[in-house]
Amino acid sequence: MNDFFREIKRPKLKKTDWIALALTGAILLIIALPQEKENKATKAEETIQEEVTQSNDNSQPESYVSYLEDRLEEVLGQMEGVGKVKVMITISDGGETVVEKDVRTTIDSETQEETVFVEDKAGSYPYVGKEIMPSIEGIVVVAEGGGNATVAANISNAAMALFPVEAHKIIVVKMSSKGD
């Protein structure tokens, strides 16, 4: 068996062959290494995106709902027969912040997404492409004129015209008098 291996002639590699092998190895290393770094960068970007979304979930919906309640109270207070009015709006979710992504397609037809960042004096933060506001679940209106069927119907119709809420999710009641 040893004689068999001794009889096989090994090809002698020329200088150009060694250079070609070294270049091929270097190219393979270059192709393999960035993939791992991009995965780490993508994980970091996803963590930042989650933090941005969570911070928006904690503060934005309350201010958005408060803004809508104030505006509705202002409009309803101008209607005839309504009088003093208080409004409560409930939401079903916290809305959504959509962060822009840079999508690249590699030679292997794989897609890679990277979050687009904006840099300013305060630092670097994800670029928000759009914000989807929270969905309104229901509206309660407490009004001095809420006991009048016509006024209650007008309030309900106004709320349906302003918000995408079904009639059975809008409640109009009469405000209690403080003297009773």
N, C-alpha and C. Protein backbone atom coordinates (compact mmCIF):
# COMPACT_ATOMS: atom_id res chain seq x y z
N MET A 1 0.82 -1.18 0.00
CA MET A 1 0.00 0.00 0.00
C MET A 1 0.87 1.25 0.00
N ASN A 2 1.95 1.22 0.76
CA ASN A 2 2.86 2.36 0.78
C ASN A 2 3.49 2.58 -0.60
N ASP A 3 3.73 1.51 -1.31
CA ASP A 3 4.30 1.63 -2.65
C ASP A 3 3.34 2.36 -3.59
N PHE A 4 2.06 2.13 -3.37
CA PHE A 4 1.06 2.77 -4.22
C PHE A 4 1.15 4.29 -4.11
N PHE A 5 1.24 4.79 -2.86
CA PHE A 5 1.30 6.23 -2.66
C PHE A 5 2.62 6.82 -3.18
N ARG A 6 3.66 6.06 -3.13
CA ARG A 6 4.95 6.55 -3.63
C ARG A 6 4.96 6.65 -5.15
N GLU A 7 4.18 5.79 -5.80
CA GLU A 7 4.15 5.79 -7.26
C GLU A 7 3.34 6.95 -7.82
N ILE A 8 2.39 7.47 -7.03
CA ILE A 8 1.56 8.58 -7.50
C ILE A 8 2.44 9.82 -7.59
N LYS A 9 2.39 10.47 -8.69
CA LYS A 9 3.19 11.67 -8.88
C LYS A 9 2.39 12.87 -8.39
N ARG A 10 3.03 13.62 -7.57
CA ARG A 10 2.40 14.85 -7.09
C ARG A 10 2.74 15.97 -8.06
N PRO A 11 1.70 16.71 -8.44
CA PRO A 11 2.01 17.81 -9.35
C PRO A 11 2.76 18.91 -8.60
N LYS A 12 3.71 19.47 -9.25
CA LYS A 12 4.45 20.58 -8.66
C LYS A 12 3.71 21.87 -9.01
N LEU A 13 3.43 22.66 -7.96
CA LEU A 13 2.71 23.91 -8.16
C LEU A 13 3.69 25.02 -8.50
N LYS A 14 3.30 25.80 -9.47
CA LYS A 14 4.13 26.93 -9.88
C LYS A 14 3.81 28.13 -8.99
N LYS A 15 4.60 29.14 -9.10
CA LYS A 15 4.42 30.36 -8.32
C LYS A 15 3.03 30.97 -8.58
N THR A 16 2.59 30.99 -9.81
CA THR A 16 1.29 31.56 -10.15
C THR A 16 0.14 30.74 -9.56
N ASP A 17 0.32 29.43 -9.45
CA ASP A 17 -0.71 28.58 -8.84
C ASP A 17 -0.85 28.91 -7.36
N TRP A 18 0.29 29.11 -6.67
CA TRP A 18 0.24 29.45 -5.25
C TRP A 18 -0.44 30.81 -5.04
N ILE A 19 -0.18 31.76 -5.90
CA ILE A 19 -0.80 33.08 -5.81
C ILE A 19 -2.31 32.97 -6.04
N ALA A 20 -2.70 32.16 -7.01
CA ALA A 20 -4.13 31.96 -7.29
C ALA A 20 -4.83 31.34 -6.10
N LEU A 21 -4.19 30.35 -5.46
CA LEU A 21 -4.77 29.72 -4.27
C LEU A 21 -4.91 30.72 -3.12
N ALA A 22 -3.87 31.54 -2.92
CA ALA A 22 -3.91 32.54 -1.84
C ALA A 22 -5.01 33.56 -2.10
N LEU A 23 -5.15 34.02 -3.33
CA LEU A 23 -6.21 34.99 -3.65
C LEU A 23 -7.60 34.38 -3.47
N THR A 24 -7.77 33.14 -3.87
CA THR A 24 -9.06 32.47 -3.70
C THR A 24 -9.40 32.35 -2.22
N GLY A 25 -8.44 32.01 -1.40
CA GLY A 25 -8.67 31.92 0.05
C GLY A 25 -9.02 33.27 0.64
N ALA A 26 -8.34 34.32 0.20
CA ALA A 26 -8.62 35.67 0.70
C ALA A 26 -10.03 36.11 0.32
N ILE A 27 -10.43 35.83 -0.90
CA ILE A 27 -11.78 36.20 -1.36
C ILE A 27 -12.84 35.47 -0.54
N LEU A 28 -12.61 34.18 -0.28
CA LEU A 28 -13.57 33.42 0.54
C LEU A 28 -13.67 34.01 1.94
N LEU A 29 -12.55 34.42 2.52
CA LEU A 29 -12.58 35.05 3.85
C LEU A 29 -13.36 36.36 3.82
N ILE A 30 -13.14 37.17 2.80
CA ILE A 30 -13.83 38.45 2.69
C ILE A 30 -15.33 38.25 2.56
N ILE A 31 -15.74 37.26 1.82
CA ILE A 31 -17.17 36.99 1.63
C ILE A 31 -17.79 36.47 2.92
N ALA A 32 -17.10 35.64 3.65
CA ALA A 32 -17.66 35.01 4.85
C ALA A 32 -17.72 35.94 6.04
N LEU A 33 -16.74 36.80 6.25
CA LEU A 33 -16.68 37.63 7.46
C LEU A 33 -17.76 38.71 7.55
N PRO A 34 -18.05 39.50 6.54
CA PRO A 34 -19.05 40.55 6.70
C PRO A 34 -20.44 40.03 7.06
N GLN A 35 -20.77 38.83 6.68
CA GLN A 35 -22.09 38.26 7.00
C GLN A 35 -22.31 38.25 8.51
N GLU A 36 -21.32 37.85 9.27
CA GLU A 36 -21.45 37.79 10.73
C GLU A 36 -21.59 39.18 11.31
N LYS A 37 -20.83 40.15 10.83
CA LYS A 37 -20.92 41.51 11.33
C LYS A 37 -22.28 42.12 11.03
N GLU A 38 -22.82 41.86 9.85
CA GLU A 38 -24.13 42.40 9.49
C GLU A 38 -25.21 41.83 10.39
N ASN A 39 -25.11 40.56 10.75
CA ASN A 39 -26.10 39.97 11.66
C ASN A 39 -26.06 40.66 13.01
N LYS A 40 -24.86 40.95 13.53
CA LYS A 40 -24.74 41.65 14.80
C LYS A 40 -25.32 43.05 14.68
N ALA A 41 -25.05 43.74 13.58
CA ALA A 41 -25.57 45.08 13.37
C ALA A 41 -27.08 45.06 13.26
N THR A 42 -27.62 44.05 12.59
CA THR A 42 -29.07 43.94 12.45
C THR A 42 -29.73 43.73 13.80
N LYS A 43 -29.13 42.90 14.65
CA LYS A 43 -29.69 42.69 15.99
C LYS A 43 -29.68 43.98 16.79
N ALA A 44 -28.61 44.75 16.69
CA ALA A 44 -28.53 46.03 17.40
C ALA A 44 -29.59 46.99 16.89
N GLU A 45 -29.81 47.02 15.57
CA GLU A 45 -30.82 47.89 14.98
C GLU A 45 -32.22 47.49 15.44
N GLU A 46 -32.48 46.19 15.52
CA GLU A 46 -33.79 45.71 15.97
C GLU A 46 -34.02 46.11 17.43
N THR A 47 -32.99 46.03 18.26
CA THR A 47 -33.11 46.43 19.65
C THR A 47 -33.43 47.91 19.75
N ILE A 48 -32.76 48.73 18.96
CA ILE A 48 -33.03 50.17 18.97
C ILE A 48 -34.45 50.44 18.51
N GLN A 49 -34.90 49.74 17.47
CA GLN A 49 -36.25 49.94 16.96
C GLN A 49 -37.28 49.58 18.03
N GLU A 50 -37.06 48.49 18.76
CA GLU A 50 -37.99 48.10 19.82
C GLU A 50 -38.04 49.16 20.92
N GLU A 51 -36.87 49.73 21.27
CA GLU A 51 -36.84 50.76 22.30
C GLU A 51 -37.60 52.00 21.85
N VAL A 52 -37.44 52.38 20.58
CA VAL A 52 -38.16 53.54 20.06
C VAL A 52 -39.66 53.28 20.09
N THR A 53 -40.08 52.09 19.67
CA THR A 53 -41.49 51.75 19.66
C THR A 53 -42.06 51.74 21.08
N GLN A 54 -41.32 51.16 22.03
CA GLN A 54 -41.79 51.11 23.41
C GLN A 54 -41.90 52.50 24.01
N SER A 55 -40.92 53.38 23.73
CA SER A 55 -40.99 54.72 24.28
C SER A 55 -42.18 55.47 23.69
N ASN A 56 -42.48 55.25 22.42
CA ASN A 56 -43.65 55.87 21.81
C ASN A 56 -44.93 55.28 22.38
N ASP A 57 -44.95 53.99 22.67
CA ASP A 57 -46.13 53.35 23.22
C ASP A 57 -46.48 53.91 24.59
N ASN A 58 -45.48 54.32 25.36
CA ASN A 58 -45.72 54.78 26.71
C ASN A 58 -46.22 56.20 26.77
N SER A 59 -45.84 57.08 25.85
CA SER A 59 -46.20 58.48 25.96
C SER A 59 -47.15 58.96 24.88
N GLN A 60 -47.00 58.49 23.68
CA GLN A 60 -47.77 59.01 22.57
C GLN A 60 -49.26 58.72 22.65
N PRO A 61 -49.72 57.51 22.93
CA PRO A 61 -51.15 57.26 22.90
C PRO A 61 -51.94 58.13 23.88
N GLU A 62 -51.41 58.35 25.08
CA GLU A 62 -52.14 59.16 26.06
C GLU A 62 -52.29 60.60 25.57
N SER A 63 -51.23 61.17 25.02
CA SER A 63 -51.33 62.54 24.54
C SER A 63 -52.22 62.63 23.31
N TYR A 64 -52.17 61.60 22.47
CA TYR A 64 -53.03 61.56 21.29
C TYR A 64 -54.50 61.49 21.69
N VAL A 65 -54.82 60.62 22.64
CA VAL A 65 -56.19 60.47 23.11
C VAL A 65 -56.65 61.76 23.79
N SER A 66 -55.79 62.35 24.61
CA SER A 66 -56.13 63.61 25.28
C SER A 66 -56.42 64.71 24.27
N TYR A 67 -55.61 64.77 23.22
CA TYR A 67 -55.83 65.75 22.16
C TYR A 67 -57.19 65.55 21.50
N LEU A 68 -57.51 64.29 21.16
CA LEU A 68 -58.79 64.00 20.52
C LEU A 68 -59.97 64.32 21.44
N GLU A 69 -59.83 63.99 22.72
CA GLU A 69 -60.91 64.28 23.68
C GLU A 69 -61.14 65.79 23.78
N ASP A 70 -60.06 66.56 23.87
CA ASP A 70 -60.19 68.02 23.96
C ASP A 70 -60.86 68.60 22.72
N ARG A 71 -60.43 68.12 21.55
CA ARG A 71 -61.02 68.63 20.31
C ARG A 71 -62.50 68.28 20.19
N LEU A 72 -62.86 67.05 20.57
CA LEU A 72 -64.26 66.64 20.51
C LEU A 72 -65.10 67.42 21.50
N GLU A 73 -64.58 67.64 22.71
CA GLU A 73 -65.29 68.45 23.70
C GLU A 73 -65.53 69.86 23.17
N GLU A 74 -64.52 70.42 22.52
CA GLU A 74 -64.64 71.77 21.96
C GLU A 74 -65.72 71.83 20.89
N VAL A 75 -65.73 70.86 20.00
CA VAL A 75 -66.73 70.84 18.92
C VAL A 75 -68.13 70.61 19.48
N LEU A 76 -68.27 69.62 20.35
CA LEU A 76 -69.60 69.31 20.89
C LEU A 76 -70.13 70.45 21.75
N GLY A 77 -69.23 71.15 22.46
CA GLY A 77 -69.65 72.28 23.29
C GLY A 77 -70.24 73.42 22.47
N GLN A 78 -69.93 73.50 21.18
CA GLN A 78 -70.45 74.53 20.30
C GLN A 78 -71.83 74.17 19.72
N MET A 79 -72.21 72.90 19.88
CA MET A 79 -73.50 72.48 19.32
C MET A 79 -74.65 72.94 20.21
N GLU A 80 -75.77 73.25 19.57
CA GLU A 80 -76.95 73.74 20.29
C GLU A 80 -77.55 72.64 21.16
N GLY A 81 -77.81 72.99 22.41
CA GLY A 81 -78.47 72.07 23.33
C GLY A 81 -77.54 71.14 24.08
N VAL A 82 -76.28 71.11 23.75
CA VAL A 82 -75.35 70.18 24.40
C VAL A 82 -74.93 70.69 25.77
N GLY A 83 -74.61 71.97 25.90
CA GLY A 83 -74.15 72.54 27.17
C GLY A 83 -72.74 72.07 27.51
N LYS A 84 -72.48 71.92 28.82
CA LYS A 84 -71.17 71.42 29.24
C LYS A 84 -71.02 69.98 28.80
N VAL A 85 -69.79 69.62 28.47
CA VAL A 85 -69.56 68.28 27.94
C VAL A 85 -68.20 67.74 28.41
N LYS A 86 -68.18 66.45 28.67
CA LYS A 86 -66.94 65.72 28.97
C LYS A 86 -66.90 64.51 28.05
N VAL A 87 -65.71 64.19 27.55
CA VAL A 87 -65.57 63.09 26.60
C VAL A 87 -64.47 62.15 27.08
N MET A 88 -64.72 60.86 26.91
CA MET A 88 -63.69 59.85 27.15
C MET A 88 -63.59 58.97 25.91
N ILE A 89 -62.37 58.83 25.42
CA ILE A 89 -62.12 58.01 24.24
C ILE A 89 -61.20 56.87 24.66
N THR A 90 -61.55 55.65 24.27
CA THR A 90 -60.68 54.50 24.54
C THR A 90 -60.08 54.02 23.23
N ILE A 91 -58.86 53.48 23.35
CA ILE A 91 -58.17 52.98 22.17
C ILE A 91 -57.88 51.49 22.35
N SER A 92 -57.77 50.79 21.24
CA SER A 92 -57.55 49.34 21.29
C SER A 92 -56.08 48.94 21.23
N ASP A 93 -55.23 49.86 20.76
CA ASP A 93 -53.80 49.55 20.67
C ASP A 93 -53.01 50.83 20.86
N GLY A 94 -51.72 50.71 20.83
CA GLY A 94 -50.86 51.87 21.03
C GLY A 94 -50.40 52.52 19.75
N GLY A 95 -50.95 52.12 18.62
CA GLY A 95 -50.47 52.65 17.35
C GLY A 95 -49.20 51.93 16.92
N GLU A 96 -48.57 52.47 15.91
CA GLU A 96 -47.37 51.82 15.39
C GLU A 96 -46.45 52.86 14.76
N THR A 97 -45.18 52.70 15.01
CA THR A 97 -44.17 53.54 14.38
C THR A 97 -43.44 52.68 13.36
N VAL A 98 -43.46 53.12 12.11
CA VAL A 98 -42.81 52.36 11.04
C VAL A 98 -41.47 53.02 10.74
N VAL A 99 -40.39 52.27 10.98
CA VAL A 99 -39.04 52.76 10.76
C VAL A 99 -38.60 52.37 9.36
N GLU A 100 -37.98 53.32 8.66
CA GLU A 100 -37.53 53.06 7.29
C GLU A 100 -36.39 52.05 7.29
N LYS A 101 -36.42 51.16 6.30
CA LYS A 101 -35.39 50.14 6.15
C LYS A 101 -34.73 50.28 4.78
N ASP A 102 -33.43 50.03 4.75
CA ASP A 102 -32.68 49.96 3.50
C ASP A 102 -32.60 48.49 3.14
N VAL A 103 -33.24 48.10 2.05
CA VAL A 103 -33.30 46.70 1.65
C VAL A 103 -32.30 46.46 0.52
N ARG A 104 -31.45 45.45 0.72
CA ARG A 104 -30.46 45.10 -0.30
C ARG A 104 -30.63 43.64 -0.67
N THR A 105 -30.46 43.35 -1.94
CA THR A 105 -30.51 41.98 -2.42
C THR A 105 -29.09 41.57 -2.81
N THR A 106 -28.65 40.44 -2.25
CA THR A 106 -27.30 39.97 -2.54
C THR A 106 -27.31 39.12 -3.80
N ILE A 107 -26.13 38.68 -4.19
CA ILE A 107 -25.98 37.84 -5.38
C ILE A 107 -26.76 36.54 -5.22
N ASP A 108 -26.84 36.04 -3.99
CA ASP A 108 -27.54 34.78 -3.73
C ASP A 108 -29.05 34.97 -3.62
N SER A 109 -29.56 36.12 -4.00
CA SER A 109 -30.99 36.47 -3.93
C SER A 109 -31.51 36.52 -2.50
N GLU A 110 -30.62 36.75 -1.56
CA GLU A 110 -31.03 36.95 -0.18
C GLU A 110 -31.24 38.43 0.04
N THR A 111 -32.25 38.78 0.82
CA THR A 111 -32.48 40.19 1.11
C THR A 111 -31.97 40.50 2.50
N GLN A 112 -31.36 41.64 2.62
CA GLN A 112 -30.85 42.11 3.90
C GLN A 112 -31.47 43.47 4.18
N GLU A 113 -31.97 43.63 5.40
CA GLU A 113 -32.58 44.90 5.78
C GLU A 113 -31.74 45.57 6.85
N GLU A 114 -31.55 46.87 6.70
CA GLU A 114 -30.85 47.65 7.69
C GLU A 114 -31.67 48.90 7.96
N THR A 115 -31.80 49.26 9.23
CA THR A 115 -32.54 50.44 9.61
C THR A 115 -31.80 51.69 9.15
N VAL A 116 -32.56 52.65 8.62
CA VAL A 116 -31.99 53.92 8.18
C VAL A 116 -31.91 54.84 9.40
N PHE A 117 -30.74 55.39 9.65
CA PHE A 117 -30.55 56.27 10.80
C PHE A 117 -30.37 57.71 10.35
N VAL A 118 -30.83 58.64 11.20
CA VAL A 118 -30.67 60.06 10.99
C VAL A 118 -29.70 60.55 12.06
N GLU A 119 -28.74 61.36 11.65
CA GLU A 119 -27.78 61.88 12.62
C GLU A 119 -27.94 63.39 12.72
N ASP A 120 -27.95 63.87 13.96
CA ASP A 120 -27.95 65.31 14.20
C ASP A 120 -27.13 65.59 15.44
N LYS A 121 -27.22 66.78 15.98
CA LYS A 121 -26.41 67.15 17.14
C LYS A 121 -26.75 66.30 18.36
N ALA A 122 -28.00 65.87 18.47
CA ALA A 122 -28.44 65.07 19.62
C ALA A 122 -27.97 63.63 19.53
N GLY A 123 -27.57 63.20 18.36
CA GLY A 123 -27.11 61.83 18.19
C GLY A 123 -27.71 61.18 16.97
N SER A 124 -27.76 59.87 17.01
CA SER A 124 -28.26 59.09 15.89
C SER A 124 -29.53 58.37 16.33
N TYR A 125 -30.56 58.42 15.49
CA TYR A 125 -31.82 57.74 15.80
C TYR A 125 -32.45 57.24 14.51
N PRO A 126 -33.30 56.20 14.62
CA PRO A 126 -33.93 55.64 13.42
C PRO A 126 -34.85 56.65 12.73
N TYR A 127 -34.85 56.61 11.40
CA TYR A 127 -35.72 57.48 10.62
C TYR A 127 -37.11 56.88 10.59
N VAL A 128 -38.09 57.63 11.10
CA VAL A 128 -39.47 57.17 11.15
C VAL A 128 -40.15 57.56 9.85
N GLY A 129 -40.57 56.55 9.09
CA GLY A 129 -41.23 56.78 7.81
C GLY A 129 -42.67 57.23 7.96
N LYS A 130 -43.37 56.58 8.89
CA LYS A 130 -44.75 56.98 9.16
C LYS A 130 -45.16 56.46 10.53
N GLU A 131 -46.15 57.12 11.09
CA GLU A 131 -46.71 56.70 12.36
C GLU A 131 -48.18 56.38 12.16
N ILE A 132 -48.57 55.20 12.56
CA ILE A 132 -49.97 54.80 12.49
C ILE A 132 -50.57 55.05 13.86
N MET A 133 -51.55 55.92 13.90
CA MET A 133 -52.13 56.31 15.18
C MET A 133 -52.97 55.17 15.75
N PRO A 134 -53.18 55.19 17.07
CA PRO A 134 -53.96 54.13 17.71
C PRO A 134 -55.40 54.07 17.17
N SER A 135 -55.98 52.87 17.18
CA SER A 135 -57.36 52.68 16.73
C SER A 135 -58.31 53.03 17.87
N ILE A 136 -59.32 53.81 17.54
CA ILE A 136 -60.31 54.21 18.55
C ILE A 136 -61.30 53.07 18.74
N GLU A 137 -61.49 52.68 19.99
CA GLU A 137 -62.37 51.55 20.31
C GLU A 137 -63.77 52.01 20.70
N GLY A 138 -63.87 53.09 21.47
CA GLY A 138 -65.17 53.55 21.91
C GLY A 138 -65.13 54.98 22.41
N ILE A 139 -66.32 55.61 22.47
CA ILE A 139 -66.43 57.01 22.92
C ILE A 139 -67.60 57.12 23.89
N VAL A 140 -67.35 57.77 25.02
CA VAL A 140 -68.41 58.09 25.97
C VAL A 140 -68.49 59.60 26.07
N VAL A 141 -69.70 60.13 25.90
CA VAL A 141 -69.92 61.57 25.99
C VAL A 141 -70.91 61.82 27.11
N VAL A 142 -70.48 62.64 28.06
CA VAL A 142 -71.36 63.06 29.16
C VAL A 142 -71.65 64.53 28.93
N ALA A 143 -72.92 64.86 28.66
CA ALA A 143 -73.30 66.22 28.32
C ALA A 143 -74.53 66.65 29.10
N GLU A 144 -74.63 67.95 29.37
CA GLU A 144 -75.80 68.47 30.07
C GLU A 144 -77.07 68.19 29.26
N GLY A 145 -77.00 68.28 27.97
CA GLY A 145 -78.15 68.04 27.11
C GLY A 145 -78.27 66.60 26.65
N GLY A 146 -77.52 65.69 27.25
CA GLY A 146 -77.51 64.30 26.84
C GLY A 146 -78.82 63.57 27.08
N GLY A 147 -79.69 64.11 27.91
CA GLY A 147 -80.99 63.49 28.17
C GLY A 147 -81.98 63.70 27.05
N ASN A 148 -81.76 64.67 26.20
CA ASN A 148 -82.63 64.97 25.07
C ASN A 148 -82.25 64.03 23.93
N ALA A 149 -83.22 63.30 23.40
CA ALA A 149 -82.96 62.31 22.35
C ALA A 149 -82.38 62.94 21.09
N THR A 150 -82.86 64.11 20.71
CA THR A 150 -82.36 64.77 19.51
C THR A 150 -80.91 65.20 19.69
N VAL A 151 -80.60 65.78 20.85
CA VAL A 151 -79.24 66.22 21.14
C VAL A 151 -78.31 65.00 21.18
N ALA A 152 -78.75 63.93 21.83
CA ALA A 152 -77.94 62.71 21.92
C ALA A 152 -77.67 62.14 20.53
N ALA A 153 -78.67 62.16 19.65
CA ALA A 153 -78.50 61.66 18.29
C ALA A 153 -77.51 62.54 17.51
N ASN A 154 -77.61 63.86 17.71
CA ASN A 154 -76.68 64.78 17.04
C ASN A 154 -75.25 64.56 17.52
N ILE A 155 -75.08 64.35 18.82
CA ILE A 155 -73.74 64.08 19.37
C ILE A 155 -73.19 62.79 18.79
N SER A 156 -74.00 61.75 18.76
CA SER A 156 -73.58 60.45 18.23
C SER A 156 -73.22 60.55 16.75
N ASN A 157 -74.02 61.26 15.99
CA ASN A 157 -73.74 61.44 14.55
C ASN A 157 -72.45 62.23 14.33
N ALA A 158 -72.23 63.24 15.16
CA ALA A 158 -71.00 64.03 15.04
C ALA A 158 -69.78 63.16 15.34
N ALA A 159 -69.87 62.33 16.37
CA ALA A 159 -68.75 61.45 16.72
C ALA A 159 -68.47 60.44 15.61
N MET A 160 -69.54 59.89 15.00
CA MET A 160 -69.36 58.94 13.90
C MET A 160 -68.76 59.62 12.67
N ALA A 161 -69.10 60.90 12.46
CA ALA A 161 -68.56 61.62 11.31
C ALA A 161 -67.07 61.92 11.51
N LEU A 162 -66.66 62.14 12.75
CA LEU A 162 -65.28 62.50 13.02
C LEU A 162 -64.35 61.30 13.18
N PHE A 163 -64.89 60.19 13.67
CA PHE A 163 -64.06 59.03 13.97
C PHE A 163 -64.65 57.77 13.32
N PRO A 164 -63.80 56.83 12.97
CA PRO A 164 -64.30 55.58 12.37
C PRO A 164 -64.79 54.62 13.46
N VAL A 165 -65.88 55.02 14.13
CA VAL A 165 -66.44 54.23 15.22
C VAL A 165 -67.89 53.92 14.91
N GLU A 166 -68.29 52.69 15.18
CA GLU A 166 -69.67 52.28 14.93
C GLU A 166 -70.59 52.89 15.98
N ALA A 167 -71.87 53.02 15.63
CA ALA A 167 -72.84 53.68 16.50
C ALA A 167 -72.97 53.00 17.86
N HIS A 168 -72.88 51.68 17.91
CA HIS A 168 -73.05 50.99 19.19
C HIS A 168 -71.83 51.15 20.11
N LYS A 169 -70.77 51.77 19.61
CA LYS A 169 -69.59 52.02 20.44
C LYS A 169 -69.51 53.48 20.90
N ILE A 170 -70.59 54.22 20.68
CA ILE A 170 -70.68 55.61 21.13
C ILE A 170 -71.84 55.70 22.12
N ILE A 171 -71.55 56.14 23.32
CA ILE A 171 -72.57 56.27 24.36
C ILE A 171 -72.68 57.74 24.74
N VAL A 172 -73.92 58.25 24.75
CA VAL A 172 -74.18 59.62 25.16
C VAL A 172 -75.12 59.59 26.36
N VAL A 173 -74.66 60.21 27.46
CA VAL A 173 -75.48 60.22 28.68
C VAL A 173 -75.60 61.65 29.19
N LYS A 174 -76.61 61.85 30.05
CA LYS A 174 -76.86 63.17 30.62
C LYS A 174 -75.92 63.39 31.79
N MET A 175 -75.36 64.59 31.88
CA MET A 175 -74.48 64.98 32.96
C MET A 175 -75.32 65.22 34.21
N SER A 176 -74.84 64.73 35.34
CA SER A 176 -75.58 64.95 36.58
C SER A 176 -75.37 66.39 37.04
N SER A 177 -76.41 66.93 37.66
CA SER A 177 -76.28 68.29 38.19
C SER A 177 -75.68 68.20 39.58
N LYS A 178 -74.82 69.12 39.93
CA LYS A 178 -74.11 69.05 41.20
C LYS A 178 -74.99 69.42 42.38
N GLY A 179 -76.10 70.02 42.15
CA GLY A 179 -77.00 70.44 43.23
C GLY A 179 -77.85 69.31 43.77
N ASP A 180 -77.99 68.18 43.05
CA ASP A 180 -78.87 67.08 43.47
C ASP A 180 -78.29 66.28 44.58
